[in-house]
């Protein structure tokens, strides 16, 4: 019900730019430009064990930060298209152009059930769907596989350091029954809206590796992509 109400409210209430608050536009040209700089390989420091190669579309700052928060926390669902387009660019940068190769399987990191209920939507899954659609428009076969599940509750990550986040998330995710068969059908790309310490993606990678469907995250294994990453993750890029 809450998600339905947000969809209707977006049609009848005054809109403002999700990046800077400028009235009468959901996203102004200046803020949209923050997502168009081009994706890059990113690495958090310290880099958690098991983290696959990650590409991000933009640093998590200024208008990009505001857009992600507006989409995630305030339900500005119209931003999913542009955020998904940025994610698609990051996916391409990591996975390359497939041509007639196996399809890309975008596996979103799931939000906690309580967070999804509170927000009325799952941000990463919605952005992944928009990203897959953008990839298909560009001629790349892609689909979303929401096969990851939380098998235990985790604490709120806010305020936790890198090691605390790793301990908090260790063993928290699992691939749902039947997911292994689906993961065999293409090239896996883990996707999320944001990378900070990398702990969440590393745990997601562990859960996917446990199925035996993928390798170690190299070209023969799998990759990850996000809309944004901490600015420091760009600064220490060691490509």
C-alpha atoms as a PDB file:
ATOM      1  CA  UNK A   1       0.000   0.000   0.000  1.00  0.00           C
ATOM      2  CA  UNK A   2       2.775   2.426   0.901  1.00  0.00           C
ATOM      3  CA  UNK A   3       4.550   1.873  -2.437  1.00  0.00           C
ATOM      4  CA  UNK A   4       1.281   2.431  -4.315  1.00  0.00           C
ATOM      5  CA  UNK A   5       0.661   5.691  -2.446  1.00  0.00           C
ATOM      6  CA  UNK A   6       4.135   6.973  -3.310  1.00  0.00           C
ATOM      7  CA  UNK A   7       3.542   6.252  -6.996  1.00  0.00           C
ATOM      8  CA  UNK A   8       0.280   8.265  -6.952  1.00  0.00           C
ATOM      9  CA  UNK A   9       1.763  11.078  -4.838  1.00  0.00           C
ATOM     10  CA  UNK A  10       4.532  11.525  -7.368  1.00  0.00           C
ATOM     11  CA  UNK A  11       1.932  12.327 -10.001  1.00  0.00           C
ATOM     12  CA  UNK A  12      -0.049  14.918  -8.077  1.00  0.00           C
ATOM     13  CA  UNK A  13       2.376  16.654  -5.704  1.00  0.00           C
ATOM     14  CA  UNK A  14       4.885  19.351  -6.706  1.00  0.00           C
ATOM     15  CA  UNK A  15       8.233  17.885  -7.709  1.00  0.00           C
ATOM     16  CA  UNK A  16      11.743  19.073  -6.953  1.00  0.00           C
ATOM     17  CA  UNK A  17      15.113  17.976  -8.254  1.00  0.00           C
ATOM     18  CA  UNK A  18      16.358  14.937  -6.343  1.00  0.00           C
ATOM     19  CA  UNK A  19      19.878  16.343  -6.410  1.00  0.00           C
ATOM     20  CA  UNK A  20      19.576  20.028  -5.512  1.00  0.00           C
ATOM     21  CA  UNK A  21      15.903  20.649  -4.716  1.00  0.00           C
ATOM     22  CA  UNK A  22      15.264  22.938  -7.701  1.00  0.00           C
ATOM     23  CA  UNK A  23      11.459  23.107  -8.152  1.00  0.00           C
ATOM     24  CA  UNK A  24       9.368  21.733 -11.023  1.00  0.00           C
ATOM     25  CA  UNK A  25      11.846  19.119 -12.192  1.00  0.00           C
ATOM     26  CA  UNK A  26      12.565  15.670 -10.807  1.00  0.00           C
ATOM     27  CA  UNK A  27      16.205  15.943 -11.915  1.00  0.00           C
ATOM     28  CA  UNK A  28      17.910  19.011 -13.356  1.00  0.00           C
ATOM     29  CA  UNK A  29      20.593  18.824 -16.048  1.00  0.00           C
ATOM     30  CA  UNK A  30      23.365  19.922 -13.687  1.00  0.00           C
ATOM     31  CA  UNK A  31      22.642  17.157 -11.179  1.00  0.00           C
ATOM     32  CA  UNK A  32      22.192  14.545 -13.893  1.00  0.00           C
ATOM     33  CA  UNK A  33      25.676  15.432 -15.132  1.00  0.00           C
ATOM     34  CA  UNK A  34      27.078  14.105 -11.866  1.00  0.00           C
ATOM     35  CA  UNK A  35      26.321  10.596 -13.097  1.00  0.00           C
ATOM     36  CA  UNK A  36      27.816  11.054 -16.552  1.00  0.00           C
ATOM     37  CA  UNK A  37      31.545  11.306 -15.776  1.00  0.00           C
ATOM     38  CA  UNK A  38      32.098   7.673 -16.728  1.00  0.00           C
ATOM     39  CA  UNK A  39      32.415   4.539 -14.585  1.00  0.00           C
ATOM     40  CA  UNK A  40      35.654   3.521 -12.922  1.00  0.00           C
ATOM     41  CA  UNK A  41      37.100   0.593 -11.006  1.00  0.00           C
ATOM     42  CA  UNK A  42      36.845   1.239  -7.275  1.00  0.00           C
ATOM     43  CA  UNK A  43      38.484  -0.342  -4.230  1.00  0.00           C
ATOM     44  CA  UNK A  44      37.746   0.398  -0.577  1.00  0.00           C
ATOM     45  CA  UNK A  45      40.552   0.503   1.954  1.00  0.00           C
ATOM     46  CA  UNK A  46      40.892  -1.857   3.649  1.00  0.00           C
ATOM     47  CA  UNK A  47      39.581  -4.149   0.921  1.00  0.00           C
ATOM     48  CA  UNK A  48      37.558  -7.020   2.408  1.00  0.00           C
ATOM     49  CA  UNK A  49      38.562 -10.561   1.507  1.00  0.00           C
ATOM     50  CA  UNK A  50      36.518 -12.027  -1.302  1.00  0.00           C
ATOM     51  CA  UNK A  51      35.383  -8.739  -2.820  1.00  0.00           C
ATOM     52  CA  UNK A  52      35.082  -9.183  -6.612  1.00  0.00           C
ATOM     53  CA  UNK A  53      36.201  -6.403  -8.992  1.00  0.00           C
ATOM     54  CA  UNK A  54      33.770  -3.489  -8.576  1.00  0.00           C
ATOM     55  CA  UNK A  55      32.977  -0.631 -10.967  1.00  0.00           C
ATOM     56  CA  UNK A  56      31.069   2.498  -9.903  1.00  0.00           C
ATOM     57  CA  UNK A  57      29.450   5.218 -11.971  1.00  0.00           C
ATOM     58  CA  UNK A  58      30.221   8.166  -9.676  1.00  0.00           C
ATOM     59  CA  UNK A  59      31.596   9.212  -6.290  1.00  0.00           C
ATOM     60  CA  UNK A  60      29.071   9.276  -3.465  1.00  0.00           C
ATOM     61  CA  UNK A  61      29.000  13.019  -2.857  1.00  0.00           C
ATOM     62  CA  UNK A  62      27.022  16.184  -3.600  1.00  0.00           C
ATOM     63  CA  UNK A  63      24.117  15.679  -6.024  1.00  0.00           C
ATOM     64  CA  UNK A  64      24.763  11.956  -6.495  1.00  0.00           C
ATOM     65  CA  UNK A  65      24.497  11.379  -2.751  1.00  0.00           C
ATOM     66  CA  UNK A  66      21.314  13.441  -2.625  1.00  0.00           C
ATOM     67  CA  UNK A  67      19.772  11.488  -5.515  1.00  0.00           C
ATOM     68  CA  UNK A  68      20.486   8.097  -3.955  1.00  0.00           C
ATOM     69  CA  UNK A  69      19.071   9.208  -0.610  1.00  0.00           C
ATOM     70  CA  UNK A  70      15.989  10.704  -2.271  1.00  0.00           C
ATOM     71  CA  UNK A  71      15.335   7.444  -4.104  1.00  0.00           C
ATOM     72  CA  UNK A  72      16.089   5.169  -1.153  1.00  0.00           C
ATOM     73  CA  UNK A  73      14.710   7.045   1.841  1.00  0.00           C
ATOM     74  CA  UNK A  74      12.138   9.481   0.433  1.00  0.00           C
ATOM     75  CA  UNK A  75      10.638   7.246  -2.215  1.00  0.00           C
ATOM     76  CA  UNK A  76      11.430   9.462  -5.218  1.00  0.00           C
ATOM     77  CA  UNK A  77      10.915   6.461  -7.460  1.00  0.00           C
ATOM     78  CA  UNK A  78      11.155   8.437 -10.684  1.00  0.00           C
ATOM     79  CA  UNK A  79      14.923   8.616 -10.125  1.00  0.00           C
ATOM     80  CA  UNK A  80      15.260   4.856 -10.637  1.00  0.00           C
ATOM     81  CA  UNK A  81      15.593   5.315 -14.404  1.00  0.00           C
ATOM     82  CA  UNK A  82      18.596   7.631 -14.340  1.00  0.00           C
ATOM     83  CA  UNK A  83      20.209   5.697 -11.482  1.00  0.00           C
ATOM     84  CA  UNK A  84      19.645   2.470 -13.392  1.00  0.00           C
ATOM     85  CA  UNK A  85      21.232   4.015 -16.464  1.00  0.00           C
ATOM     86  CA  UNK A  86      24.313   4.877 -14.422  1.00  0.00           C
ATOM     87  CA  UNK A  87      24.397   1.348 -13.026  1.00  0.00           C
ATOM     88  CA  UNK A  88      24.210  -0.068 -16.557  1.00  0.00           C
ATOM     89  CA  UNK A  89      27.315   1.926 -17.461  1.00  0.00           C
ATOM     90  CA  UNK A  90      29.177   0.494 -14.487  1.00  0.00           C
ATOM     91  CA  UNK A  91      28.063  -3.027 -15.415  1.00  0.00           C
ATOM     92  CA  UNK A  92      29.330  -2.573 -18.980  1.00  0.00           C
ATOM     93  CA  UNK A  93      32.659  -1.236 -17.720  1.00  0.00           C
ATOM     94  CA  UNK A  94      33.223  -4.374 -15.664  1.00  0.00           C
ATOM     95  CA  UNK A  95      31.651  -7.043 -17.815  1.00  0.00           C
ATOM     96  CA  UNK A  96      32.328  -5.634 -21.283  1.00  0.00           C
ATOM     97  CA  UNK A  97      30.032  -5.838 -24.289  1.00  0.00           C
ATOM     98  CA  UNK A  98      28.729  -9.362 -24.552  1.00  0.00           C
ATOM     99  CA  UNK A  99      27.603  -9.588 -28.184  1.00  0.00           C
ATOM    100  CA  UNK A 100      26.282 -13.144 -28.505  1.00  0.00           C
ATOM    101  CA  UNK A 101      27.860 -14.297 -25.233  1.00  0.00           C
ATOM    102  CA  UNK A 102      25.884 -15.524 -22.253  1.00  0.00           C
ATOM    103  CA  UNK A 103      23.454 -12.964 -20.807  1.00  0.00           C
ATOM    104  CA  UNK A 104      24.360 -10.779 -17.867  1.00  0.00           C
ATOM    105  CA  UNK A 105      22.585 -11.781 -14.667  1.00  0.00           C
ATOM    106  CA  UNK A 106      22.236  -8.786 -12.358  1.00  0.00           C
ATOM    107  CA  UNK A 107      21.974 -10.052  -8.782  1.00  0.00           C
ATOM    108  CA  UNK A 108      20.917  -7.231  -6.427  1.00  0.00           C
ATOM    109  CA  UNK A 109      22.002  -7.180  -2.803  1.00  0.00           C
ATOM    110  CA  UNK A 110      18.768  -7.424  -0.790  1.00  0.00           C
ATOM    111  CA  UNK A 111      17.713  -4.864   1.763  1.00  0.00           C
ATOM    112  CA  UNK A 112      16.758  -6.049   5.229  1.00  0.00           C
ATOM    113  CA  UNK A 113      13.070  -6.951   5.450  1.00  0.00           C
ATOM    114  CA  UNK A 114      12.464  -4.243   8.044  1.00  0.00           C
ATOM    115  CA  UNK A 115      14.114  -1.605   5.835  1.00  0.00           C
ATOM    116  CA  UNK A 116      12.119  -2.688   2.780  1.00  0.00           C
ATOM    117  CA  UNK A 117       8.883  -2.540   4.754  1.00  0.00           C
ATOM    118  CA  UNK A 118       9.725   0.890   6.142  1.00  0.00           C
ATOM    119  CA  UNK A 119      10.659   2.351   2.764  1.00  0.00           C
ATOM    120  CA  UNK A 120       7.903   0.668   0.811  1.00  0.00           C
ATOM    121  CA  UNK A 121      10.366  -0.603  -1.819  1.00  0.00           C
ATOM    122  CA  UNK A 122      13.725  -2.309  -2.320  1.00  0.00           C
ATOM    123  CA  UNK A 123      16.042   0.381  -3.794  1.00  0.00           C
ATOM    124  CA  UNK A 124      18.760  -1.900  -5.164  1.00  0.00           C
ATOM    125  CA  UNK A 125      16.263  -4.216  -6.826  1.00  0.00           C
ATOM    126  CA  UNK A 126      14.397  -1.324  -8.445  1.00  0.00           C
ATOM    127  CA  UNK A 127      17.630   0.224  -9.757  1.00  0.00           C
ATOM    128  CA  UNK A 128      18.788  -3.193 -10.984  1.00  0.00           C
ATOM    129  CA  UNK A 129      15.574  -3.594 -12.992  1.00  0.00           C
ATOM    130  CA  UNK A 130      16.098  -0.175 -14.595  1.00  0.00           C
ATOM    131  CA  UNK A 131      19.739  -1.036 -15.280  1.00  0.00           C
ATOM    132  CA  UNK A 132      18.848  -4.330 -16.955  1.00  0.00           C
ATOM    133  CA  UNK A 133      16.315  -2.545 -19.159  1.00  0.00           C
ATOM    134  CA  UNK A 134      18.961  -0.010 -20.204  1.00  0.00           C
ATOM    135  CA  UNK A 135      21.424  -2.793 -21.032  1.00  0.00           C
ATOM    136  CA  UNK A 136      18.824  -4.522 -23.206  1.00  0.00           C
ATOM    137  CA  UNK A 137      18.116  -1.282 -25.047  1.00  0.00           C
ATOM    138  CA  UNK A 138      21.835  -1.157 -25.850  1.00  0.00           C
ATOM    139  CA  UNK A 139      21.810  -4.665 -27.282  1.00  0.00           C
ATOM    140  CA  UNK A 140      23.159  -6.567 -24.260  1.00  0.00           C
ATOM    141  CA  UNK A 141      21.089  -9.451 -23.003  1.00  0.00           C
ATOM    142  CA  UNK A 142      20.483  -8.870 -19.307  1.00  0.00           C
ATOM    143  CA  UNK A 143      17.997  -9.744 -16.604  1.00  0.00           C
ATOM    144  CA  UNK A 144      17.620  -9.397 -12.858  1.00  0.00           C
ATOM    145  CA  UNK A 145      17.912 -12.437 -10.611  1.00  0.00           C
ATOM    146  CA  UNK A 146      16.811 -11.549  -7.082  1.00  0.00           C
ATOM    147  CA  UNK A 147      18.080 -14.814  -5.605  1.00  0.00           C
ATOM    148  CA  UNK A 148      19.887 -13.558  -2.497  1.00  0.00           C
ATOM    149  CA  UNK A 149      18.088 -13.764   0.832  1.00  0.00           C
ATOM    150  CA  UNK A 150      18.918 -12.736   4.388  1.00  0.00           C
ATOM    151  CA  UNK A 151      19.027 -15.835   6.568  1.00  0.00           C
ATOM    152  CA  UNK A 152      19.530 -13.951   9.818  1.00  0.00           C
ATOM    153  CA  UNK A 153      18.956 -10.476  11.155  1.00  0.00           C
ATOM    154  CA  UNK A 154      21.807  -7.968  11.038  1.00  0.00           C
ATOM    155  CA  UNK A 155      22.389  -4.787  13.014  1.00  0.00           C
ATOM    156  CA  UNK A 156      22.040  -1.344  11.487  1.00  0.00           C
ATOM    157  CA  UNK A 157      25.281  -0.649   9.622  1.00  0.00           C
ATOM    158  CA  UNK A 158      25.256   3.081  10.360  1.00  0.00           C
ATOM    159  CA  UNK A 159      28.197   4.061  12.501  1.00  0.00           C
ATOM    160  CA  UNK A 160      29.981   0.719  12.137  1.00  0.00           C
ATOM    161  CA  UNK A 161      33.580   0.565  10.929  1.00  0.00           C
ATOM    162  CA  UNK A 162      34.870  -1.761   8.231  1.00  0.00           C
ATOM    163  CA  UNK A 163      35.737  -4.660  10.560  1.00  0.00           C
ATOM    164  CA  UNK A 164      32.517  -4.273  12.514  1.00  0.00           C
ATOM    165  CA  UNK A 165      30.515  -4.379   9.284  1.00  0.00           C
ATOM    166  CA  UNK A 166      32.291  -7.515   8.144  1.00  0.00           C
ATOM    167  CA  UNK A 167      31.516  -9.222  11.474  1.00  0.00           C
ATOM    168  CA  UNK A 168      27.927  -7.990  11.368  1.00  0.00           C
ATOM    169  CA  UNK A 169      27.337  -9.404   7.876  1.00  0.00           C
ATOM    170  CA  UNK A 170      29.355 -12.628   8.056  1.00  0.00           C
ATOM    171  CA  UNK A 171      27.147 -15.509   6.952  1.00  0.00           C
ATOM    172  CA  UNK A 172      24.055 -13.302   6.712  1.00  0.00           C
ATOM    173  CA  UNK A 173      23.184 -13.987   3.059  1.00  0.00           C
ATOM    174  CA  UNK A 174      22.257 -17.146   1.211  1.00  0.00           C
ATOM    175  CA  UNK A 175      21.115 -17.993  -2.308  1.00  0.00           C
ATOM    176  CA  UNK A 176      17.462 -19.030  -2.272  1.00  0.00           C
ATOM    177  CA  UNK A 177      16.370 -22.551  -3.156  1.00  0.00           C
ATOM    178  CA  UNK A 178      16.431 -22.928  -6.924  1.00  0.00           C
ATOM    179  CA  UNK A 179      18.791 -19.985  -7.305  1.00  0.00           C
ATOM    180  CA  UNK A 180      21.791 -22.119  -8.193  1.00  0.00           C
ATOM    181  CA  UNK A 181      20.127 -23.362 -11.357  1.00  0.00           C
ATOM    182  CA  UNK A 182      19.275 -19.809 -12.403  1.00  0.00           C
ATOM    183  CA  UNK A 183      22.830 -18.579 -11.771  1.00  0.00           C
ATOM    184  CA  UNK A 184      24.130 -21.184 -14.194  1.00  0.00           C
ATOM    185  CA  UNK A 185      22.383 -19.365 -17.029  1.00  0.00           C
ATOM    186  CA  UNK A 186      24.766 -16.451 -17.606  1.00  0.00           C
ATOM    187  CA  UNK A 187      27.497 -14.150 -16.296  1.00  0.00           C
ATOM    188  CA  UNK A 188      26.808 -12.994 -12.757  1.00  0.00           C
ATOM    189  CA  UNK A 189      27.169  -9.318 -11.809  1.00  0.00           C
ATOM    190  CA  UNK A 190      26.410  -8.390  -8.193  1.00  0.00           C
ATOM    191  CA  UNK A 191      24.750  -4.967  -8.052  1.00  0.00           C
ATOM    192  CA  UNK A 192      23.953  -2.449  -5.330  1.00  0.00           C
ATOM    193  CA  UNK A 193      23.262   1.263  -5.125  1.00  0.00           C
ATOM    194  CA  UNK A 194      26.303   2.125  -2.992  1.00  0.00           C
ATOM    195  CA  UNK A 195      29.721   0.790  -1.970  1.00  0.00           C
ATOM    196  CA  UNK A 196      31.293   2.098   1.241  1.00  0.00           C
ATOM    197  CA  UNK A 197      33.475  -0.502   2.981  1.00  0.00           C
ATOM    198  CA  UNK A 198      32.671  -3.286   0.519  1.00  0.00           C
ATOM    199  CA  UNK A 199      31.514  -5.618   3.298  1.00  0.00           C
ATOM    200  CA  UNK A 200      28.013  -6.098   1.891  1.00  0.00           C
ATOM    201  CA  UNK A 201      29.212  -6.996  -1.601  1.00  0.00           C
ATOM    202  CA  UNK A 202      31.873  -9.292  -0.163  1.00  0.00           C
ATOM    203  CA  UNK A 203      29.225 -11.183   1.812  1.00  0.00           C
ATOM    204  CA  UNK A 204      26.994 -11.370  -1.261  1.00  0.00           C
ATOM    205  CA  UNK A 205      29.952 -12.740  -3.236  1.00  0.00           C
ATOM    206  CA  UNK A 206      30.582 -15.379  -0.571  1.00  0.00           C
ATOM    207  CA  UNK A 207      26.952 -16.524  -0.764  1.00  0.00           C
ATOM    208  CA  UNK A 208      27.072 -16.764  -4.559  1.00  0.00           C
ATOM    209  CA  UNK A 209      30.429 -18.602  -4.541  1.00  0.00           C
ATOM    210  CA  UNK A 210      28.975 -21.116  -2.079  1.00  0.00           C
ATOM    211  CA  UNK A 211      26.679 -22.354  -4.849  1.00  0.00           C
ATOM    212  CA  UNK A 212      29.698 -23.409  -6.924  1.00  0.00           C
ATOM    213  CA  UNK A 213      28.333 -21.546  -9.957  1.00  0.00           C
ATOM    214  CA  UNK A 214      31.077 -18.942 -10.272  1.00  0.00           C
ATOM    215  CA  UNK A 215      34.806 -18.617  -9.855  1.00  0.00           C
ATOM    216  CA  UNK A 216      36.902 -16.162  -7.908  1.00  0.00           C
ATOM    217  CA  UNK A 217      35.662 -12.905  -9.404  1.00  0.00           C
ATOM    218  CA  UNK A 218      38.119 -12.793 -12.315  1.00  0.00           C
ATOM    219  CA  UNK A 219      37.055 -12.560 -15.944  1.00  0.00           C
ATOM    220  CA  UNK A 220      36.187 -16.263 -15.674  1.00  0.00           C
ATOM    221  CA  UNK A 221      34.246 -15.646 -12.482  1.00  0.00           C
ATOM    222  CA  UNK A 222      32.045 -12.669 -11.783  1.00  0.00           C
ATOM    223  CA  UNK A 223      32.043  -8.925 -11.145  1.00  0.00           C
ATOM    224  CA  UNK A 224      30.128  -6.288  -9.204  1.00  0.00           C
ATOM    225  CA  UNK A 225      28.778  -2.852 -10.060  1.00  0.00           C
ATOM    226  CA  UNK A 226      27.281   0.025  -8.078  1.00  0.00           C
ATOM    227  CA  UNK A 227      25.857   3.440  -8.839  1.00  0.00           C
ATOM    228  CA  UNK A 228      28.202   5.213  -6.421  1.00  0.00           C
ATOM    229  CA  UNK A 229      31.145   4.568  -4.133  1.00  0.00           C
ATOM    230  CA  UNK A 230      32.961   6.526  -1.461  1.00  0.00           C
ATOM    231  CA  UNK A 231      35.241   9.152  -3.055  1.00  0.00           C
ATOM    232  CA  UNK A 232      38.263   7.505  -1.404  1.00  0.00           C
ATOM    233  CA  UNK A 233      37.518   4.278  -3.285  1.00  0.00           C
ATOM    234  CA  UNK A 234      38.158   6.169  -6.517  1.00  0.00           C
ATOM    235  CA  UNK A 235      41.273   7.860  -5.195  1.00  0.00           C
ATOM    236  CA  UNK A 236      43.092   4.618  -4.390  1.00  0.00           C
ATOM    237  CA  UNK A 237      42.165   2.971  -7.681  1.00  0.00           C
ATOM    238  CA  UNK A 238      45.056   0.676  -8.540  1.00  0.00           C
ATOM    239  CA  UNK A 239      43.968  -0.500 -11.973  1.00  0.00           C
END
